[in-house]
Amino acid sequence: MMNVPVDHDQGTKWDWPLQKGDGVVNVLDDDDHFEVGLEAHHFLPKEIEVKNIGELLEIHMEHTVKTDKFGDVSRNITRCYKLPKNVDMKTIKSNLDSNGILHIHGRKMH
C-alpha cells in the first residue's frame, strides 16, 4: 500500500467543469494516462487521503463532526477505482484545485 500526497492550488488556474449528467466523477483513460476527477468541495487537503492498494486507487475524504445552530454535521466518502494494468504506479499524483475538484492522475507505460 502506498499513500499519495494531496497537493492543492492556491489560486485559480483554469476551470474544469464536469460533464453534464455524470454526477461528481469524471474518469479519463487514454493511451498515455489515467485520470480521475471528483468533487471534493467540502473537504480540506488534510481531510483527503489517496492510497494505491495493489491495482486499486482508494480515495477517502472525511472531516470531523462540526456543530452549528442546526446540529452536528459530518461527511465521510470513500471511492475506489481499478487502475488500468499499464499505469506506472510511481507517477500517480493528486491535486485539489481551487474549484474543489480532486484530480488524481498517472502516466501509462508503453
PDB file of N, CA and C in Angstrom:
ATOM      1  N   MET A   1       0.856  -1.176   0.000  1.00  0.00           N
ATOM      2  CA  MET A   1       0.000   0.000   0.000  1.00  0.00           C
ATOM      3  C   MET A   1       0.897   1.232   0.000  1.00  0.00           C
ATOM      4  N   MET A   2       0.486   2.249  -0.764  1.00  0.00           N
ATOM      5  CA  MET A   2       1.280   3.465  -0.874  1.00  0.00           C
ATOM      6  C   MET A   2       0.360   4.665  -0.757  1.00  0.00           C
ATOM      7  N   ASN A   3       0.667   5.588   0.161  1.00  0.00           N
ATOM      8  CA  ASN A   3      -0.088   6.837   0.249  1.00  0.00           C
ATOM      9  C   ASN A   3       0.383   7.795  -0.827  1.00  0.00           C
ATOM     10  N   VAL A   4      -0.556   8.531  -1.416  1.00  0.00           N
ATOM     11  CA  VAL A   4      -0.255   9.524  -2.441  1.00  0.00           C
ATOM     12  C   VAL A   4      -0.561  10.885  -1.839  1.00  0.00           C
ATOM     13  N   PRO A   5       0.444  11.781  -1.676  1.00  0.00           N
ATOM     14  CA  PRO A   5       0.166  13.090  -1.072  1.00  0.00           C
ATOM     15  C   PRO A   5      -0.814  13.906  -1.905  1.00  0.00           C
ATOM     16  N   VAL A   6      -1.642  14.716  -1.230  1.00  0.00           N
ATOM     17  CA  VAL A   6      -2.624  15.568  -1.895  1.00  0.00           C
ATOM     18  C   VAL A   6      -2.088  16.992  -1.926  1.00  0.00           C
ATOM     19  N   ASP A   7      -1.696  17.467  -3.106  1.00  0.00           N
ATOM     20  CA  ASP A   7      -1.296  18.862  -3.280  1.00  0.00           C
ATOM     21  C   ASP A   7      -2.558  19.666  -3.507  1.00  0.00           C
ATOM     22  N   HIS A   8      -2.445  20.998  -3.399  1.00  0.00           N
ATOM     23  CA  HIS A   8      -3.608  21.831  -3.685  1.00  0.00           C
ATOM     24  C   HIS A   8      -3.183  23.178  -4.228  1.00  0.00           C
ATOM     25  N   ASP A   9      -4.041  23.740  -5.089  1.00  0.00           N
ATOM     26  CA  ASP A   9      -3.797  25.033  -5.715  1.00  0.00           C
ATOM     27  C   ASP A   9      -4.114  26.140  -4.726  1.00  0.00           C
ATOM     28  N   GLN A  10      -3.385  27.234  -4.836  1.00  0.00           N
ATOM     29  CA  GLN A  10      -3.659  28.412  -4.025  1.00  0.00           C
ATOM     30  C   GLN A  10      -4.527  29.415  -4.769  1.00  0.00           C
ATOM     31  N   GLY A  11      -4.586  29.318  -6.090  1.00  0.00           N
ATOM     32  CA  GLY A  11      -5.382  30.256  -6.884  1.00  0.00           C
ATOM     33  C   GLY A  11      -6.012  29.545  -8.061  1.00  0.00           C
ATOM     34  N   THR A  12      -6.816  30.282  -8.801  1.00  0.00           N
ATOM     35  CA  THR A  12      -7.496  29.695  -9.943  1.00  0.00           C
ATOM     36  C   THR A  12      -6.533  29.596 -11.118  1.00  0.00           C
ATOM     37  N   LYS A  13      -6.380  28.408 -11.671  1.00  0.00           N
ATOM     38  CA  LYS A  13      -5.556  28.225 -12.852  1.00  0.00           C
ATOM     39  C   LYS A  13      -6.431  28.109 -14.082  1.00  0.00           C
ATOM     40  N   TRP A  14      -7.396  27.210 -14.035  1.00  0.00           N
ATOM     41  CA  TRP A  14      -8.321  27.031 -15.137  1.00  0.00           C
ATOM     42  C   TRP A  14      -9.545  26.311 -14.620  1.00  0.00           C
ATOM     43  N   ASP A  15     -10.628  26.485 -15.310  1.00  0.00           N
ATOM     44  CA  ASP A  15     -11.885  25.880 -14.903  1.00  0.00           C
ATOM     45  C   ASP A  15     -12.044  24.554 -15.628  1.00  0.00           C
ATOM     46  N   TRP A  16     -12.386  23.515 -14.891  1.00  0.00           N
ATOM     47  CA  TRP A  16     -12.588  22.205 -15.479  1.00  0.00           C
ATOM     48  C   TRP A  16     -13.932  21.675 -15.044  1.00  0.00           C
ATOM     49  N   PRO A  17     -15.009  22.118 -15.708  1.00  0.00           N
ATOM     50  CA  PRO A  17     -16.337  21.656 -15.280  1.00  0.00           C
ATOM     51  C   PRO A  17     -16.522  20.186 -15.616  1.00  0.00           C
ATOM     52  N   LEU A  18     -17.226  19.482 -14.747  1.00  0.00           N
ATOM     53  CA  LEU A  18     -17.543  18.097 -15.028  1.00  0.00           C
ATOM     54  C   LEU A  18     -18.603  18.037 -16.106  1.00  0.00           C
ATOM     55  N   GLN A  19     -18.615  16.965 -16.855  1.00  0.00           N
ATOM     56  CA  GLN A  19     -19.592  16.821 -17.924  1.00  0.00           C
ATOM     57  C   GLN A  19     -20.985  16.693 -17.334  1.00  0.00           C
ATOM     58  N   LYS A  20     -21.950  17.260 -18.005  1.00  0.00           N
ATOM     59  CA  LYS A  20     -23.329  17.209 -17.518  1.00  0.00           C
ATOM     60  C   LYS A  20     -23.819  15.766 -17.459  1.00  0.00           C
ATOM     61  N   GLY A  21     -24.494  15.440 -16.367  1.00  0.00           N
ATOM     62  CA  GLY A  21     -25.104  14.128 -16.236  1.00  0.00           C
ATOM     63  C   GLY A  21     -24.206  13.050 -15.676  1.00  0.00           C
ATOM     64  N   ASP A  22     -22.927  13.342 -15.421  1.00  0.00           N
ATOM     65  CA  ASP A  22     -22.073  12.271 -14.908  1.00  0.00           C
ATOM     66  C   ASP A  22     -21.891  12.347 -13.394  1.00  0.00           C
ATOM     67  N   GLY A  23     -22.664  13.168 -12.712  1.00  0.00           N
ATOM     68  CA  GLY A  23     -22.571  13.235 -11.258  1.00  0.00           C
ATOM     69  C   GLY A  23     -21.345  13.983 -10.815  1.00  0.00           C
ATOM     70  N   VAL A  24     -20.614  13.403  -9.908  1.00  0.00           N
ATOM     71  CA  VAL A  24     -19.484  14.111  -9.314  1.00  0.00           C
ATOM     72  C   VAL A  24     -18.139  13.551  -9.740  1.00  0.00           C
ATOM     73  N   VAL A  25     -18.114  12.603 -10.665  1.00  0.00           N
ATOM     74  CA  VAL A  25     -16.857  11.946 -11.039  1.00  0.00           C
ATOM     75  C   VAL A  25     -16.656  11.981 -12.542  1.00  0.00           C
ATOM     76  N   ASN A  26     -15.426  12.230 -12.961  1.00  0.00           N
ATOM     77  CA  ASN A  26     -15.049  12.159 -14.360  1.00  0.00           C
ATOM     78  C   ASN A  26     -13.798  11.294 -14.449  1.00  0.00           C
ATOM     79  N   VAL A  27     -13.816  10.252 -15.275  1.00  0.00           N
ATOM     80  CA  VAL A  27     -12.669   9.362 -15.441  1.00  0.00           C
ATOM     81  C   VAL A  27     -12.192   9.455 -16.875  1.00  0.00           C
ATOM     82  N   LEU A  28     -10.893   9.672 -17.049  1.00  0.00           N
ATOM     83  CA  LEU A  28     -10.265   9.713 -18.364  1.00  0.00           C
ATOM     84  C   LEU A  28      -9.246   8.581 -18.430  1.00  0.00           C
ATOM     85  N   ASP A  29      -9.336   7.763 -19.445  1.00  0.00           N
ATOM     86  CA  ASP A  29      -8.412   6.645 -19.621  1.00  0.00           C
ATOM     87  C   ASP A  29      -8.046   6.587 -21.095  1.00  0.00           C
ATOM     88  N   ASP A  30      -6.859   7.119 -21.446  1.00  0.00           N
ATOM     89  CA  ASP A  30      -6.431   7.078 -22.838  1.00  0.00           C
ATOM     90  C   ASP A  30      -5.103   6.339 -22.945  1.00  0.00           C
ATOM     91  N   ASP A  31      -4.462   6.403 -24.104  1.00  0.00           N
ATOM     92  CA  ASP A  31      -3.218   5.655 -24.328  1.00  0.00           C
ATOM     93  C   ASP A  31      -2.060   6.136 -23.470  1.00  0.00           C
ATOM     94  N   ASP A  32      -2.080   7.408 -23.055  1.00  0.00           N
ATOM     95  CA  ASP A  32      -0.944   7.986 -22.346  1.00  0.00           C
ATOM     96  C   ASP A  32      -1.115   8.119 -20.840  1.00  0.00           C
ATOM     97  N   HIS A  33      -2.369   8.289 -20.383  1.00  0.00           N
ATOM     98  CA  HIS A  33      -2.538   8.470 -18.944  1.00  0.00           C
ATOM     99  C   HIS A  33      -3.942   8.094 -18.475  1.00  0.00           C
ATOM    100  N   PHE A  34      -4.055   8.005 -17.163  1.00  0.00           N
ATOM    101  CA  PHE A  34      -5.310   7.716 -16.479  1.00  0.00           C
ATOM    102  C   PHE A  34      -5.558   8.859 -15.512  1.00  0.00           C
ATOM    103  N   GLU A  35      -6.801   9.378 -15.480  1.00  0.00           N
ATOM    104  CA  GLU A  35      -7.113  10.474 -14.555  1.00  0.00           C
ATOM    105  C   GLU A  35      -8.525  10.312 -14.015  1.00  0.00           C
ATOM    106  N   VAL A  36      -8.651  10.582 -12.732  1.00  0.00           N
ATOM    107  CA  VAL A  36      -9.947  10.634 -12.067  1.00  0.00           C
ATOM    108  C   VAL A  36     -10.096  12.041 -11.523  1.00  0.00           C
ATOM    109  N   GLY A  37     -11.240  12.666 -11.748  1.00  0.00           N
ATOM    110  CA  GLY A  37     -11.541  13.972 -11.172  1.00  0.00           C
ATOM    111  C   GLY A  37     -12.850  13.875 -10.422  1.00  0.00           C
ATOM    112  N   LEU A  38     -12.855  14.256  -9.165  1.00  0.00           N
ATOM    113  CA  LEU A  38     -14.103  14.200  -8.415  1.00  0.00           C
ATOM    114  C   LEU A  38     -14.255  15.414  -7.526  1.00  0.00           C
ATOM    115  N   GLU A  39     -15.516  15.761  -7.281  1.00  0.00           N
ATOM    116  CA  GLU A  39     -15.813  16.909  -6.449  1.00  0.00           C
ATOM    117  C   GLU A  39     -15.406  16.633  -5.007  1.00  0.00           C
ATOM    118  N   ALA A  40     -14.721  17.604  -4.420  1.00  0.00           N
ATOM    119  CA  ALA A  40     -14.290  17.492  -3.029  1.00  0.00           C
ATOM    120  C   ALA A  40     -14.470  18.848  -2.349  1.00  0.00           C
ATOM    121  N   HIS A  41     -15.526  19.570  -2.719  1.00  0.00           N
ATOM    122  CA  HIS A  41     -15.741  20.942  -2.256  1.00  0.00           C
ATOM    123  C   HIS A  41     -15.774  21.085  -0.741  1.00  0.00           C
ATOM    124  N   HIS A  42     -16.266  20.099  -0.049  1.00  0.00           N
ATOM    125  CA  HIS A  42     -16.478  20.224   1.391  1.00  0.00           C
ATOM    126  C   HIS A  42     -15.281  19.780   2.225  1.00  0.00           C
ATOM    127  N   PHE A  43     -14.155  19.467   1.572  1.00  0.00           N
ATOM    128  CA  PHE A  43     -13.021  18.897   2.287  1.00  0.00           C
ATOM    129  C   PHE A  43     -11.762  19.738   2.109  1.00  0.00           C
ATOM    130  N   LEU A  44     -10.974  19.797   3.164  1.00  0.00           N
ATOM    131  CA  LEU A  44      -9.655  20.425   3.125  1.00  0.00           C
ATOM    132  C   LEU A  44      -8.643  19.383   2.665  1.00  0.00           C
ATOM    133  N   PRO A  45      -7.493  19.809   2.138  1.00  0.00           N
ATOM    134  CA  PRO A  45      -6.484  18.835   1.702  1.00  0.00           C
ATOM    135  C   PRO A  45      -6.096  17.842   2.805  1.00  0.00           C
ATOM    136  N   LYS A  46      -6.022  18.300   4.049  1.00  0.00           N
ATOM    137  CA  LYS A  46      -5.632  17.395   5.142  1.00  0.00           C
ATOM    138  C   LYS A  46      -6.733  16.378   5.473  1.00  0.00           C
ATOM    139  N   GLU A  47      -7.938  16.562   4.945  1.00  0.00           N
ATOM    140  CA  GLU A  47      -9.046  15.648   5.184  1.00  0.00           C
ATOM    141  C   GLU A  47      -9.219  14.625   4.057  1.00  0.00           C
ATOM    142  N   ILE A  48      -8.283  14.638   3.110  1.00  0.00           N
ATOM    143  CA  ILE A  48      -8.345  13.749   1.948  1.00  0.00           C
ATOM    144  C   ILE A  48      -7.152  12.803   1.988  1.00  0.00           C
ATOM    145  N   GLU A  49      -7.433  11.514   1.803  1.00  0.00           N
ATOM    146  CA  GLU A  49      -6.382  10.507   1.771  1.00  0.00           C
ATOM    147  C   GLU A  49      -6.525   9.710   0.475  1.00  0.00           C
ATOM    148  N   VAL A  50      -5.430   9.614  -0.268  1.00  0.00           N
ATOM    149  CA  VAL A  50      -5.410   8.864  -1.521  1.00  0.00           C
ATOM    150  C   VAL A  50      -4.390   7.749  -1.356  1.00  0.00           C
ATOM    151  N   LYS A  51      -4.837   6.503  -1.617  1.00  0.00           N
ATOM    152  CA  LYS A  51      -3.958   5.345  -1.472  1.00  0.00           C
ATOM    153  C   LYS A  51      -3.986   4.509  -2.735  1.00  0.00           C
ATOM    154  N   ASN A  52      -2.847   3.932  -3.043  1.00  0.00           N
ATOM    155  CA  ASN A  52      -2.743   2.936  -4.090  1.00  0.00           C
ATOM    156  C   ASN A  52      -2.618   1.595  -3.372  1.00  0.00           C
ATOM    157  N   ILE A  53      -3.612   0.734  -3.553  1.00  0.00           N
ATOM    158  CA  ILE A  53      -3.630  -0.583  -2.910  1.00  0.00           C
ATOM    159  C   ILE A  53      -3.665  -1.617  -4.029  1.00  0.00           C
ATOM    160  N   GLY A  54      -2.501  -2.118  -4.383  1.00  0.00           N
ATOM    161  CA  GLY A  54      -2.425  -3.067  -5.498  1.00  0.00           C
ATOM    162  C   GLY A  54      -2.888  -2.411  -6.772  1.00  0.00           C
ATOM    163  N   GLU A  55      -3.924  -2.977  -7.400  1.00  0.00           N
ATOM    164  CA  GLU A  55      -4.438  -2.416  -8.649  1.00  0.00           C
ATOM    165  C   GLU A  55      -5.574  -1.430  -8.406  1.00  0.00           C
ATOM    166  N   LEU A  56      -5.838  -1.091  -7.132  1.00  0.00           N
ATOM    167  CA  LEU A  56      -6.923  -0.173  -6.795  1.00  0.00           C
ATOM    168  C   LEU A  56      -6.393   1.180  -6.345  1.00  0.00           C
ATOM    169  N   LEU A  57      -7.143   2.205  -6.656  1.00  0.00           N
ATOM    170  CA  LEU A  57      -6.906   3.553  -6.159  1.00  0.00           C
ATOM    171  C   LEU A  57      -8.051   3.850  -5.201  1.00  0.00           C
ATOM    172  N   GLU A  58      -7.734   4.116  -3.937  1.00  0.00           N
ATOM    173  CA  GLU A  58      -8.760   4.403  -2.942  1.00  0.00           C
ATOM    174  C   GLU A  58      -8.671   5.861  -2.523  1.00  0.00           C
ATOM    175  N   ILE A  59      -9.793   6.556  -2.578  1.00  0.00           N
ATOM    176  CA  ILE A  59      -9.885   7.949  -2.158  1.00  0.00           C
ATOM    177  C   ILE A  59     -10.828   7.997  -0.971  1.00  0.00           C
ATOM    178  N   HIS A  60     -10.327   8.508   0.148  1.00  0.00           N
ATOM    179  CA  HIS A  60     -11.145   8.623   1.354  1.00  0.00           C
ATOM    180  C   HIS A  60     -11.131  10.088   1.782  1.00  0.00           C
ATOM    181  N   MET A  61     -12.330  10.667   1.925  1.00  0.00           N
ATOM    182  CA  MET A  61     -12.463  12.054   2.367  1.00  0.00           C
ATOM    183  C   MET A  61     -13.350  12.059   3.602  1.00  0.00           C
ATOM    184  N   GLU A  62     -12.867  12.706   4.644  1.00  0.00           N
ATOM    185  CA  GLU A  62     -13.640  12.723   5.885  1.00  0.00           C
ATOM    186  C   GLU A  62     -13.275  13.964   6.691  1.00  0.00           C
ATOM    187  N   HIS A  63     -14.269  14.601   7.271  1.00  0.00           N
ATOM    188  CA  HIS A  63     -13.956  15.630   8.243  1.00  0.00           C
ATOM    189  C   HIS A  63     -14.732  15.373   9.523  1.00  0.00           C
ATOM    190  N   THR A  64     -14.147  15.874  10.583  1.00  0.00           N
ATOM    191  CA  THR A  64     -14.709  15.634  11.902  1.00  0.00           C
ATOM    192  C   THR A  64     -16.058  16.310  12.040  1.00  0.00           C
ATOM    193  N   VAL A  65     -16.770  15.912  13.039  1.00  0.00           N
ATOM    194  CA  VAL A  65     -18.094  16.472  13.293  1.00  0.00           C
ATOM    195  C   VAL A  65     -17.960  17.961  13.588  1.00  0.00           C
ATOM    196  N   LYS A  66     -18.780  18.747  12.893  1.00  0.00           N
ATOM    197  CA  LYS A  66     -18.831  20.184  13.134  1.00  0.00           C
ATOM    198  C   LYS A  66     -20.224  20.507  13.655  1.00  0.00           C
ATOM    199  N   THR A  67     -20.279  21.287  14.698  1.00  0.00           N
ATOM    200  CA  THR A  67     -21.562  21.633  15.296  1.00  0.00           C
ATOM    201  C   THR A  67     -21.906  23.073  14.966  1.00  0.00           C
ATOM    202  N   ASP A  68     -23.143  23.275  14.506  1.00  0.00           N
ATOM    203  CA  ASP A  68     -23.647  24.624  14.294  1.00  0.00           C
ATOM    204  C   ASP A  68     -25.022  24.720  14.949  1.00  0.00           C
ATOM    205  N   LYS A  69     -25.747  25.794  14.694  1.00  0.00           N
ATOM    206  CA  LYS A  69     -27.028  26.005  15.371  1.00  0.00           C
ATOM    207  C   LYS A  69     -28.085  24.972  14.975  1.00  0.00           C
ATOM    208  N   PHE A  70     -27.833  24.236  13.867  1.00  0.00           N
ATOM    209  CA  PHE A  70     -28.794  23.239  13.404  1.00  0.00           C
ATOM    210  C   PHE A  70     -28.463  21.826  13.879  1.00  0.00           C
ATOM    211  N   GLY A  71     -27.284  21.630  14.418  1.00  0.00           N
ATOM    212  CA  GLY A  71     -26.898  20.295  14.887  1.00  0.00           C
ATOM    213  C   GLY A  71     -25.492  19.943  14.449  1.00  0.00           C
ATOM    214  N   ASP A  72     -25.215  18.650  14.432  1.00  0.00           N
ATOM    215  CA  ASP A  72     -23.896  18.138  14.067  1.00  0.00           C
ATOM    216  C   ASP A  72     -23.877  17.730  12.599  1.00  0.00           C
ATOM    217  N   VAL A  73     -22.757  18.032  11.932  1.00  0.00           N
ATOM    218  CA  VAL A  73     -22.582  17.664  10.531  1.00  0.00           C
ATOM    219  C   VAL A  73     -21.248  16.955  10.394  1.00  0.00           C
ATOM    220  N   SER A  74     -21.263  15.806   9.712  1.00  0.00           N
ATOM    221  CA  SER A  74     -20.011  15.125   9.369  1.00  0.00           C
ATOM    222  C   SER A  74     -20.143  14.577   7.960  1.00  0.00           C
ATOM    223  N   ARG A  75     -19.011  14.444   7.284  1.00  0.00           N
ATOM    224  CA  ARG A  75     -19.004  13.897   5.930  1.00  0.00           C
ATOM    225  C   ARG A  75     -17.918  12.844   5.854  1.00  0.00           C
ATOM    226  N   ASN A  76     -18.237  11.757   5.155  1.00  0.00           N
ATOM    227  CA  ASN A  76     -17.301  10.661   5.006  1.00  0.00           C
ATOM    228  C   ASN A  76     -17.591   9.996   3.667  1.00  0.00           C
ATOM    229  N   ILE A  77     -16.644  10.066   2.737  1.00  0.00           N
ATOM    230  CA  ILE A  77     -16.819   9.495   1.401  1.00  0.00           C
ATOM    231  C   ILE A  77     -15.611   8.627   1.082  1.00  0.00           C
ATOM    232  N   THR A  78     -15.852   7.434   0.576  1.00  0.00           N
ATOM    233  CA  THR A  78     -14.774   6.570   0.101  1.00  0.00           C
ATOM    234  C   THR A  78     -15.139   6.085  -1.293  1.00  0.00           C
ATOM    235  N   ARG A  79     -14.201   6.216  -2.228  1.00  0.00           N
ATOM    236  CA  ARG A  79     -14.392   5.731  -3.595  1.00  0.00           C
ATOM    237  C   ARG A  79     -13.167   4.914  -3.982  1.00  0.00           C
ATOM    238  N   CYS A  80     -13.379   3.848  -4.734  1.00  0.00           N
ATOM    239  CA  CYS A  80     -12.285   3.022  -5.232  1.00  0.00           C
ATOM    240  C   CYS A  80     -12.392   2.901  -6.743  1.00  0.00           C
ATOM    241  N   TYR A  81     -11.248   2.913  -7.410  1.00  0.00           N
ATOM    242  CA  TYR A  81     -11.180   2.768  -8.856  1.00  0.00           C
ATOM    243  C   TYR A  81     -10.128   1.723  -9.186  1.00  0.00           C
ATOM    244  N   LYS A  82     -10.454   0.839 -10.112  1.00  0.00           N
ATOM    245  CA  LYS A  82      -9.474  -0.135 -10.583  1.00  0.00           C
ATOM    246  C   LYS A  82      -8.591   0.561 -11.609  1.00  0.00           C
ATOM    247  N   LEU A  83      -7.305   0.549 -11.354  1.00  0.00           N
ATOM    248  CA  LEU A  83      -6.363   1.202 -12.265  1.00  0.00           C
ATOM    249  C   LEU A  83      -6.111   0.318 -13.484  1.00  0.00           C
ATOM    250  N   PRO A  84      -5.926   0.924 -14.652  1.00  0.00           N
ATOM    251  CA  PRO A  84      -5.534   0.138 -15.821  1.00  0.00           C
ATOM    252  C   PRO A  84      -4.200  -0.556 -15.544  1.00  0.00           C
ATOM    253  N   LYS A  85      -4.002  -1.724 -16.135  1.00  0.00           N
ATOM    254  CA  LYS A  85      -2.813  -2.534 -15.847  1.00  0.00           C
ATOM    255  C   LYS A  85      -1.499  -1.836 -16.177  1.00  0.00           C
ATOM    256  N   ASN A  86      -1.490  -0.942 -17.155  1.00  0.00           N
ATOM    257  CA  ASN A  86      -0.223  -0.339 -17.576  1.00  0.00           C
ATOM    258  C   ASN A  86       0.043   1.044 -16.974  1.00  0.00           C
ATOM    259  N   VAL A  87      -0.656   1.413 -15.883  1.00  0.00           N
ATOM    260  CA  VAL A  87      -0.365   2.679 -15.210  1.00  0.00           C
ATOM    261  C   VAL A  87       0.916   2.505 -14.388  1.00  0.00           C
ATOM    262  N   ASP A  88       1.849   3.433 -14.556  1.00  0.00           N
ATOM    263  CA  ASP A  88       3.085   3.434 -13.778  1.00  0.00           C
ATOM    264  C   ASP A  88       2.765   3.962 -12.380  1.00  0.00           C
ATOM    265  N   MET A  89       2.743   3.084 -11.387  1.00  0.00           N
ATOM    266  CA  MET A  89       2.341   3.448 -10.021  1.00  0.00           C
ATOM    267  C   MET A  89       3.196   4.566  -9.440  1.00  0.00           C
ATOM    268  N   LYS A  90       4.440   4.674  -9.878  1.00  0.00           N
ATOM    269  CA  LYS A  90       5.345   5.705  -9.357  1.00  0.00           C
ATOM    270  C   LYS A  90       4.965   7.100  -9.831  1.00  0.00           C
ATOM    271  N   THR A  91       4.117   7.204 -10.865  1.00  0.00           N
ATOM    272  CA  THR A  91       3.758   8.514 -11.413  1.00  0.00           C
ATOM    273  C   THR A  91       2.425   9.029 -10.890  1.00  0.00           C
ATOM    274  N   ILE A  92       1.756   8.280 -10.028  1.00  0.00           N
ATOM    275  CA  ILE A  92       0.439   8.708  -9.539  1.00  0.00           C
ATOM    276  C   ILE A  92       0.602   9.927  -8.639  1.00  0.00           C
ATOM    277  N   LYS A  93      -0.138  10.973  -8.977  1.00  0.00           N
ATOM    278  CA  LYS A  93      -0.124  12.237  -8.237  1.00  0.00           C
ATOM    279  C   LYS A  93      -1.563  12.678  -8.026  1.00  0.00           C
ATOM    280  N   SER A  94      -1.774  13.526  -7.029  1.00  0.00           N
ATOM    281  CA  SER A  94      -3.110  14.084  -6.820  1.00  0.00           C
ATOM    282  C   SER A  94      -3.003  15.573  -6.556  1.00  0.00           C
ATOM    283  N   ASN A  95      -4.061  16.286  -6.913  1.00  0.00           N
ATOM    284  CA  ASN A  95      -4.091  17.731  -6.742  1.00  0.00           C
ATOM    285  C   ASN A  95      -5.530  18.173  -6.493  1.00  0.00           C
ATOM    286  N   LEU A  96      -5.741  18.947  -5.445  1.00  0.00           N
ATOM    287  CA  LEU A  96      -7.037  19.547  -5.167  1.00  0.00           C
ATOM    288  C   LEU A  96      -6.991  20.963  -5.712  1.00  0.00           C
ATOM    289  N   ASP A  97      -7.768  21.236  -6.782  1.00  0.00           N
ATOM    290  CA  ASP A  97      -7.688  22.562  -7.391  1.00  0.00           C
ATOM    291  C   ASP A  97      -8.551  23.578  -6.632  1.00  0.00           C
ATOM    292  N   SER A  98      -8.435  24.824  -7.004  1.00  0.00           N
ATOM    293  CA  SER A  98      -9.121  25.903  -6.289  1.00  0.00           C
ATOM    294  C   SER A  98     -10.634  25.870  -6.490  1.00  0.00           C
ATOM    295  N   ASN A  99     -11.110  25.043  -7.435  1.00  0.00           N
ATOM    296  CA  ASN A  99     -12.548  24.875  -7.640  1.00  0.00           C
ATOM    297  C   ASN A  99     -13.115  23.716  -6.830  1.00  0.00           C
ATOM    298  N   GLY A 100     -12.279  23.056  -6.019  1.00  0.00           N
ATOM    299  CA  GLY A 100     -12.729  21.951  -5.186  1.00  0.00           C
ATOM    300  C   GLY A 100     -12.783  20.622  -5.901  1.00  0.00           C
ATOM    301  N   ILE A 101     -12.085  20.499  -7.032  1.00  0.00           N
ATOM    302  CA  ILE A 101     -12.037  19.240  -7.763  1.00  0.00           C
ATOM    303  C   ILE A 101     -10.709  18.543  -7.446  1.00  0.00           C
ATOM    304  N   LEU A 102     -10.804  17.300  -6.995  1.00  0.00           N
ATOM    305  CA  LEU A 102      -9.611  16.494  -6.721  1.00  0.00           C
ATOM    306  C   LEU A 102      -9.259  15.734  -7.989  1.00  0.00           C
ATOM    307  N   HIS A 103      -8.056  15.975  -8.520  1.00  0.00           N
ATOM    308  CA  HIS A 103      -7.551  15.297  -9.717  1.00  0.00           C
ATOM    309  C   HIS A 103      -6.493  14.295  -9.283  1.00  0.00           C
ATOM    310  N   ILE A 104      -6.644  13.064  -9.724  1.00  0.00           N
ATOM    311  CA  ILE A 104      -5.644  12.031  -9.460  1.00  0.00           C
ATOM    312  C   ILE A 104      -5.264  11.458 -10.818  1.00  0.00           C
ATOM    313  N   HIS A 105      -3.967  11.447 -11.129  1.00  0.00           N
ATOM    314  CA  HIS A 105      -3.550  11.024 -12.458  1.00  0.00           C
ATOM    315  C   HIS A 105      -2.247  10.264 -12.407  1.00  0.00           C
ATOM    316  N   GLY A 106      -2.036   9.451 -13.419  1.00  0.00           N
ATOM    317  CA  GLY A 106      -0.789   8.697 -13.568  1.00  0.00           C
ATOM    318  C   GLY A 106      -0.520   8.444 -15.033  1.00  0.00           C
ATOM    319  N   ARG A 107       0.766   8.358 -15.370  1.00  0.00           N
ATOM    320  CA  ARG A 107       1.159   8.073 -16.750  1.00  0.00           C
ATOM    321  C   ARG A 107       1.124   6.573 -16.998  1.00  0.00           C
ATOM    322  N   LYS A 108       0.979   6.209 -18.245  1.00  0.00           N
ATOM    323  CA  LYS A 108       0.969   4.812 -18.622  1.00  0.00           C
ATOM    324  C   LYS A 108       2.334   4.418 -19.204  1.00  0.00           C
ATOM    325  N   MET A 109       2.701   3.169 -18.948  1.00  0.00           N
ATOM    326  CA  MET A 109       3.948   2.628 -19.512  1.00  0.00           C
ATOM    327  C   MET A 109       3.638   2.076 -20.907  1.00  0.00           C
ATOM    328  N   HIS A 110       4.581   2.240 -21.821  1.00  0.00           N
ATOM    329  CA  HIS A 110       4.381   1.718 -23.185  1.00  0.00           C
ATOM    330  C   HIS A 110       5.291   0.560 -23.437  1.00  0.00           C
TER     331      HIS A 110
END
